[in-house]
Protein backbone atom coordinates (compact mmCIF):
# COMPACT_ATOMS: atom_id res chain seq x y z
CA MET A 1 171.43 117.53 55.06
CA LYS A 2 168.29 116.00 52.96
CA SER A 3 169.00 115.28 49.48
CA LYS A 4 166.96 116.36 46.89
CA LYS A 5 165.18 113.24 45.84
CA GLU A 6 164.46 112.28 49.21
CA LYS A 7 160.73 113.37 50.31
CA LYS A 8 160.00 115.07 53.74
CA PRO A 9 158.12 112.63 56.12
CA PHE A 10 154.84 114.24 55.83
CA ASN A 11 151.72 113.10 54.11
CA LEU A 12 149.28 115.66 53.10
CA ILE A 13 145.89 115.04 51.41
CA TRP A 14 143.42 117.82 50.23
CA SER A 15 140.65 116.43 48.49
CA LYS A 16 138.74 118.63 45.39
CA LYS A 17 136.10 118.22 43.01
CA GLU A 18 138.12 118.90 40.29
CA TYR A 19 140.60 120.90 38.48
CA SER A 20 138.83 123.87 36.13
CA ASN A 21 142.70 122.65 34.33
CA LEU A 22 146.10 121.97 34.45
CA ASP A 23 148.16 124.74 33.41
CA ALA A 24 150.05 127.32 36.04
CA SER A 25 146.64 129.01 36.69
CA GLY A 26 144.60 125.41 37.34
CA GLY A 27 143.04 126.64 40.67
CA ILE A 28 143.12 126.41 44.20
CA GLY A 29 143.78 122.72 44.13
CA PHE A 30 146.58 122.78 40.98
CA LYS A 31 148.59 125.80 43.20
CA ILE A 32 148.67 123.93 46.60
CA SER A 33 149.44 120.69 44.69
CA LYS A 34 152.55 122.26 43.03
CA TYR A 35 153.71 124.63 46.25
CA TYR A 36 154.25 122.09 48.46
CA SER A 37 155.59 119.14 46.04
CA GLU A 38 157.89 121.84 45.29
CA LYS A 39 158.96 121.70 48.85
CA GLY A 40 159.51 118.42 48.57
CA TYR A 41 156.29 116.63 51.28
CA ASN A 42 154.56 113.38 50.23
CA LEU A 43 151.50 114.50 48.73
CA PHE A 44 147.91 112.09 48.14
CA THR A 45 145.64 113.89 46.15
CA VAL A 46 142.09 112.93 45.27
CA SER A 47 139.99 114.33 42.67
CA ARG A 48 138.44 113.46 39.32
CA LYS A 49 140.81 115.22 37.00
CA LYS A 50 144.50 113.76 37.26
CA SER A 51 146.66 116.06 39.13
CA GLU A 52 150.30 116.38 38.19
CA TYR A 53 152.36 117.05 41.22
CA ALA A 54 150.95 114.35 43.81
CA HIS A 55 150.30 110.55 44.24
CA TRP A 56 146.81 110.89 42.82
CA ILE A 57 143.56 108.94 43.16
CA SER A 58 141.06 109.13 41.09
CA ALA A 59 137.74 109.33 42.89
CA ASP A 60 134.17 111.59 42.80
CA PHE A 61 132.43 112.52 46.10
CA ASN A 62 129.57 111.56 44.45
CA ASP A 63 130.02 108.54 44.14
CA SER A 64 128.78 106.35 47.16
CA ASP A 65 131.61 104.00 47.56
CA CYS A 66 134.41 107.19 47.11
CA LEU A 67 135.58 106.50 51.56
CA LEU A 68 135.23 103.14 50.63
CA LYS A 69 137.63 103.65 47.73
CA LEU A 70 140.18 105.92 49.74
CA ASN A 71 140.32 103.66 52.46
CA SER A 72 141.68 101.16 50.10
CA GLU A 73 144.00 103.22 48.52
CA LEU A 74 145.42 105.16 52.27
CA LYS A 75 145.18 102.17 54.25
CA GLN A 76 147.80 102.56 57.25
CA VAL A 77 149.10 105.58 55.94
CA HIS A 78 149.51 107.78 58.29
CA ILE A 79 148.26 111.52 57.62
CA ASP A 80 149.60 114.56 59.13
CA ALA A 81 147.62 117.00 57.73
CA LEU A 82 144.16 116.95 55.64
CA LEU A 83 142.93 119.75 53.48
CA TYR A 84 139.59 119.77 52.44
CA LEU A 85 139.55 122.13 49.59
CA ALA A 86 136.08 120.97 47.48
CA GLY A 87 133.08 123.54 47.35
CA THR A 88 130.62 124.25 44.48
CA TRP A 89 127.63 126.67 44.27
CA GLU A 90 124.31 127.13 42.81
CA LYS A 91 123.75 128.02 39.23
CA ASN A 92 124.52 131.47 38.45
CA ALA A 93 125.93 132.15 41.87
CA PHE A 94 127.30 135.49 42.29
CA THR A 95 125.39 137.07 39.87
CA ASN A 96 122.71 139.33 38.91
CA GLU A 97 121.03 136.47 37.76
CA TYR A 98 121.29 133.83 40.56
CA ASN A 99 117.35 133.25 41.95
CA PHE A 100 116.57 130.97 44.63
CA GLU A 101 112.97 130.01 43.51
CA GLU A 102 115.25 128.30 40.48
CA SER A 103 117.46 126.22 42.44
CA THR A 104 116.20 122.35 42.30
CA SER A 105 116.25 120.04 45.24
CA LYS A 106 119.44 118.23 43.24
CA GLU A 107 121.48 121.51 43.02
CA ILE A 108 120.77 122.12 46.56
CA ASP A 109 121.64 118.77 47.63
CA ASN A 110 124.86 118.25 46.15
CA VAL A 111 125.76 122.18 47.47
CA ILE A 112 125.25 121.16 50.72
CA ASN A 113 126.58 117.87 50.17
CA LEU A 114 129.72 118.83 48.80
CA ASN A 115 130.58 121.66 50.84
CA LEU A 116 129.38 120.59 54.22
CA VAL A 117 128.29 117.14 54.72
CA PHE A 118 130.99 115.18 52.43
CA PRO A 119 134.23 116.84 54.87
CA ILE A 120 131.96 115.81 58.14
CA LYS A 121 132.34 112.06 56.65
CA ALA A 122 135.44 112.12 55.26
CA ILE A 123 137.29 114.01 58.57
CA GLN A 124 135.56 110.85 60.79
CA ASN A 125 136.47 108.18 58.04
CA PHE A 126 140.29 109.25 57.97
CA LEU A 127 140.52 109.61 62.15
CA PRO A 128 142.44 106.77 62.34
CA ASN A 129 145.07 107.65 59.72
CA LEU A 130 145.50 110.97 61.93
CA LYS A 131 145.71 109.64 64.83
CA ILE A 132 149.06 107.44 64.42
CA SER A 133 150.56 111.15 63.22
CA LYS A 134 152.86 112.91 65.79
CA ASN A 135 151.14 116.56 65.01
CA PRO A 136 147.80 115.92 63.36
CA LYS A 137 146.03 118.85 61.69
CA ILE A 138 142.71 119.02 59.53
CA ILE A 139 142.50 122.31 57.65
CA ILE A 140 139.18 123.25 56.09
CA ILE A 141 139.01 125.84 53.28
CA GLY A 142 135.47 127.94 53.37
CA ALA A 143 135.08 131.57 52.20
CA ALA A 144 134.62 134.74 53.69
CA ILE A 145 131.11 134.56 53.48
CA GLY A 146 131.05 131.68 56.36
CA GLY A 147 133.83 133.86 58.58
CA LEU A 148 132.50 137.21 58.32
CA ASN A 149 128.83 136.17 58.22
CA LEU A 150 128.46 138.60 55.83
CA THR A 151 124.17 139.26 55.06
CA ARG A 152 124.51 140.57 51.33
CA CYS A 153 124.81 136.80 49.78
CA PRO A 154 121.91 135.36 48.18
CA GLU A 155 122.96 132.37 47.05
CA VAL A 156 120.70 130.22 49.89
CA ALA A 157 122.53 126.39 49.92
CA ASN A 158 126.09 127.84 49.48
CA THR A 159 126.01 130.53 52.20
CA SER A 160 124.08 128.25 54.54
CA SER A 161 126.85 125.13 54.04
CA LYS A 162 129.73 127.72 54.08
CA ILE A 163 128.27 129.12 57.53
CA GLY A 164 127.84 125.66 58.84
CA LEU A 165 131.63 124.92 58.28
CA LYS A 166 131.98 127.19 61.24
CA GLY A 167 129.87 124.97 63.56
CA MET A 168 131.31 121.61 62.36
CA VAL A 169 134.71 122.98 63.43
CA MET A 170 133.40 123.91 66.46
CA ALA A 171 132.04 121.31 67.50
CA LEU A 172 134.91 118.72 65.76
CA ARG A 173 137.52 120.70 68.33
CA GLN A 174 135.65 119.71 71.61
CA SER A 175 135.55 115.61 70.07
CA LEU A 176 138.96 115.87 68.46
CA ASN A 177 140.59 117.44 71.52
CA LYS A 178 141.33 114.27 73.64
CA ASP A 179 143.41 113.01 70.69
CA LYS A 180 145.32 116.46 70.32
CA ILE A 181 144.42 116.52 66.77
CA GLY A 182 143.93 120.21 65.45
CA ILE A 183 141.40 121.64 63.22
CA THR A 184 141.50 124.92 61.42
CA LEU A 185 138.78 126.80 59.24
CA ILE A 186 140.42 129.25 56.11
CA ASN A 187 137.99 131.59 54.94
CA PRO A 188 139.46 133.29 51.81
CA GLY A 189 138.41 135.90 49.98
CA ASN A 190 139.00 136.08 46.33
CA LEU A 191 141.96 134.53 45.69
CA GLU A 192 144.17 135.01 42.55
CA THR A 193 143.09 132.35 40.29
CA GLU A 194 142.59 132.34 36.23
CA GLU A 195 138.76 132.81 36.92
CA VAL A 196 138.62 135.13 39.36
CA LEU A 197 141.02 137.62 37.03
CA ASN A 198 138.64 136.87 34.07
CA ASP A 199 136.05 138.49 35.67
CA LEU A 200 137.77 141.41 36.80
CA ARG A 201 139.47 142.02 33.45
CA THR A 202 135.56 142.25 32.27
CA VAL A 203 135.22 145.39 34.61
CA ASN A 204 138.71 147.03 34.09
CA LYS A 205 140.48 145.87 37.16
CA ASP A 206 143.66 143.68 37.82
CA GLU A 207 145.70 141.33 40.26
CA THR A 208 145.51 144.00 43.24
CA PHE A 209 141.59 143.32 43.77
CA THR A 210 142.69 139.51 44.82
CA ILE A 211 144.59 137.77 47.25
CA PRO A 212 147.75 136.29 46.36
CA PHE A 213 148.19 132.75 46.87
CA SER A 214 151.07 133.53 48.48
CA ASP A 215 149.18 134.68 51.61
CA LEU A 216 147.20 131.77 51.63
CA PHE A 217 150.13 129.45 51.94
CA LEU A 218 151.08 131.23 54.54
CA CYS A 219 148.53 130.73 56.60
CA ILE A 220 148.09 126.96 55.98
CA ASP A 221 151.91 126.81 56.73
CA THR A 222 151.47 128.88 60.15
CA VAL A 223 148.76 125.89 60.92
CA ILE A 224 150.57 123.12 59.86
CA ASN A 225 154.06 124.03 61.79
CA SER A 226 151.93 125.13 65.04
CA SER A 227 152.53 122.14 67.95
CA ASN A 228 150.05 120.51 69.11
CA ARG A 229 149.42 122.45 72.70
CA SER A 230 147.62 125.13 70.95
CA ASN A 231 144.66 125.07 68.05
CA ILE A 232 144.48 128.09 65.52
CA ASN A 233 140.72 127.99 65.19
CA GLU A 234 139.55 130.17 62.62
CA ILE A 235 141.55 132.19 59.88
CA ASP A 236 139.51 135.32 57.66
CA LEU A 237 141.41 135.99 54.58
CA THR A 238 139.71 138.80 52.95
CA ASN A 239 140.20 141.55 50.10
CA MET A 240 141.44 144.95 50.88
């Protein structure tokens, strides 16, 4: 039996631009770090704001030298699972105030880069670390609009990038197959974050209209614990 202080031989990296806060309801990144830390996994986290539950690496994806910094921090570290959680969207997205004609070139570039371009570069960058793992996995957290191709989403840059993740995963599966590196896209709906709960309260709705994090953890655990003889291509985790 492992001692309580012994870390499981499993290196997990996920990347998120920033945490909204660092309390018990501080967003997807915080919830995932807390969950896997308490299960005894050895985590490396990448973000601008400090993580309380892992080996934190301070980095900003908007910096041109971000990947160089990560390479210096993670040289020779084997990665069993690379989770990419970063995401952003346009001003006034998901509200009646959103207007595509008012989106600036800088805003569009930022959304496409963080949601789609950077994960491609990050995966390419960490392939040497993944290849030395016995059963490496890549998990990308997308959005329900990307998985189901819903058409009532006017946010052009965000929707384009989320649907683009589907193509990225499809192509990477072909490239990574020879190395038995699994890659999975998870498309969740409205998770039980404090931001979503606050929005629901304004329309007199409660947490039953959200997806509990336990459901997302179950999806991630299933991918991580699957063998290297199969691949879970995509999971659509939608609200009832």
